[in-house]
Every structure is written in structure tokens, then in C-alpha cells.
């Protein structure tokens, strides 16, 4: 008698456990639940992308500051060169006769000579 009661109780408990598991799984597979899960994943992905973009932007700013320091560019807007380098860059540009259409002082630059 005790054996039958034990197995009856064990079978009933297993049935309740299995029914609960199946019902929980069916609720997860409804269209509303699937849509909610997809929305949650999309929001999570958006947050991850935003964090990635902020990390990239911070890395870019750091690298830009390192390059500016290495090149001696300490301007607040990052466009002006220090006086010595600016003057040297302008002087080199003035002597570039190709830019102004002259190969040397005596004869004009002829494009057809290059081909």
C-alpha cells in the first residue's frame, strides 16, 4: 500500500512538473512574447552600439591628441601650425614652381613633356 502511494505521488508530481514546463514554453512562443523578446534584444544591441561608438570617439580623440603632441600642433582648433613650421611650410610652397605653372625661372611648365 505504501509503495502504491509513493508511486502515485511521484507520478502526480512529475505530471505537474511536465505540465508547468510545457505551459511556460508555450507562453514563450506566442507572437506577443516573441515580439517582446525581439524588442528587448534590439534595445540591448542599440546600447552596445552606442557604447562602442563612444569608445571609438574617445579613442580617436586620444590618438588625435597624441599625434598633435608628436607633431607640435598645440592649437585649440587643431588647424594652425606653430610659427616656425608654418613659415617653413609657406616658404616651401612658394618655391614650388610647378604649382604656378613654371618649371624653372626661364621656361614655362609644359604638361605635354610628362607624357
Protein backbone atom coordinates (compact mmCIF):
# COMPACT_ATOMS: atom_id res chain seq x y z
CA UNK A 1 0.00 0.00 0.00
CA UNK A 2 2.79 2.37 0.88
CA UNK A 3 4.51 1.57 -2.43
CA UNK A 4 1.43 2.45 -4.45
CA UNK A 5 1.00 5.75 -2.61
CA UNK A 6 4.67 6.62 -3.21
CA UNK A 7 4.50 5.93 -6.96
CA UNK A 8 1.15 7.67 -7.31
CA UNK A 9 2.58 10.80 -5.63
CA UNK A 10 5.79 10.62 -7.70
CA UNK A 11 3.75 10.29 -10.93
CA UNK A 12 1.46 13.18 -10.00
CA UNK A 13 4.47 15.40 -9.16
CA UNK A 14 6.15 14.51 -12.46
CA UNK A 15 2.92 15.29 -14.35
CA UNK A 16 2.55 18.68 -12.66
CA UNK A 17 6.22 19.48 -13.31
CA UNK A 18 5.98 18.50 -17.00
CA UNK A 19 2.71 20.41 -17.50
CA UNK A 20 4.20 23.52 -15.94
CA UNK A 21 7.29 23.30 -18.15
CA UNK A 22 5.23 22.83 -21.32
CA UNK A 23 2.87 25.71 -20.50
CA UNK A 24 5.82 28.01 -19.72
CA UNK A 25 7.45 27.13 -23.05
CA UNK A 26 4.17 27.67 -24.94
CA UNK A 27 3.81 31.12 -23.38
CA UNK A 28 7.33 31.98 -24.55
CA UNK A 29 6.45 31.03 -28.12
CA UNK A 30 3.38 33.25 -28.51
CA UNK A 31 3.70 36.07 -31.07
CA UNK A 32 3.45 38.76 -28.35
CA UNK A 33 6.22 37.15 -26.32
CA UNK A 34 8.44 36.72 -29.36
CA UNK A 35 7.90 40.37 -30.33
CA UNK A 36 8.79 41.50 -26.81
CA UNK A 37 11.95 39.37 -26.83
CA UNK A 38 12.97 40.80 -30.20
CA UNK A 39 12.37 44.35 -28.98
CA UNK A 40 14.46 43.73 -25.88
CA UNK A 41 17.30 42.33 -27.98
CA UNK A 42 17.13 45.32 -30.33
CA UNK A 43 17.32 47.76 -27.43
CA UNK A 44 20.24 45.87 -25.92
CA UNK A 45 22.04 45.90 -29.28
CA UNK A 46 21.42 49.64 -29.58
CA UNK A 47 23.01 50.26 -26.19
CA UNK A 48 26.01 48.14 -27.15
CA UNK A 49 26.44 50.03 -30.43
CA UNK A 50 26.20 53.36 -28.61
CA UNK A 51 28.86 52.25 -26.11
CA UNK A 52 31.07 51.10 -28.99
CA UNK A 53 30.67 54.44 -30.80
CA UNK A 54 31.55 56.35 -27.62
CA UNK A 55 34.64 54.18 -27.14
CA UNK A 56 35.71 54.77 -30.74
CA UNK A 57 35.18 58.52 -30.38
CA UNK A 58 37.21 58.63 -27.16
CA UNK A 59 39.99 56.61 -28.80
CA UNK A 60 40.00 58.92 -31.80
CA UNK A 61 40.27 61.99 -29.58
CA UNK A 62 43.09 60.42 -27.59
CA UNK A 63 45.00 59.42 -30.72
CA UNK A 64 44.46 62.84 -32.27
CA UNK A 65 45.87 64.47 -29.13
CA UNK A 66 48.90 62.13 -29.26
CA UNK A 67 49.51 62.96 -32.92
CA UNK A 68 49.07 66.67 -32.27
CA UNK A 69 51.60 66.50 -29.46
CA UNK A 70 54.03 64.50 -31.59
CA UNK A 71 53.73 66.93 -34.50
CA UNK A 72 53.80 70.01 -32.31
CA UNK A 73 50.29 71.12 -33.17
CA UNK A 74 49.00 72.71 -29.99
CA UNK A 75 46.32 74.97 -31.42
CA UNK A 76 42.90 74.87 -29.73
CA UNK A 77 41.15 74.38 -33.07
CA UNK A 78 43.87 71.99 -34.31
CA UNK A 79 44.40 73.86 -37.59
CA UNK A 80 47.30 76.25 -37.07
CA UNK A 81 50.92 75.14 -37.10
CA UNK A 82 53.47 76.69 -34.75
CA UNK A 83 55.21 79.76 -36.18
CA UNK A 84 58.46 78.05 -37.24
CA UNK A 85 56.77 75.15 -39.01
CA UNK A 86 54.16 77.41 -40.60
CA UNK A 87 56.82 79.70 -42.02
CA UNK A 88 58.81 76.73 -43.34
CA UNK A 89 55.69 75.24 -44.95
CA UNK A 90 54.85 78.56 -46.64
CA UNK A 91 58.41 79.04 -47.91
CA UNK A 92 58.49 75.55 -49.41
CA UNK A 93 55.17 76.23 -51.09
CA UNK A 94 56.44 79.50 -52.64
CA UNK A 95 59.37 77.71 -54.26
CA UNK A 96 57.13 75.09 -55.83
CA UNK A 97 57.18 76.44 -59.39
CA UNK A 98 55.12 73.57 -60.80
CA UNK A 99 52.19 74.85 -58.83
CA UNK A 100 52.42 78.24 -60.52
CA UNK A 101 52.97 76.89 -64.00
CA UNK A 102 56.77 77.35 -64.09
CA UNK A 103 59.33 74.56 -64.08
CA UNK A 104 62.17 77.00 -63.54
CA UNK A 105 62.56 80.75 -63.84
CA UNK A 106 63.32 80.74 -67.57
CA UNK A 107 60.79 78.45 -69.24
CA UNK A 108 57.13 77.69 -68.59
CA UNK A 109 55.98 74.30 -67.46
CA UNK A 110 54.75 72.21 -70.39
CA UNK A 111 52.33 69.43 -69.49
CA UNK A 112 53.00 67.55 -72.72
CA UNK A 113 56.62 66.89 -71.69
CA UNK A 114 55.42 64.50 -68.99
CA UNK A 115 53.84 62.07 -71.44
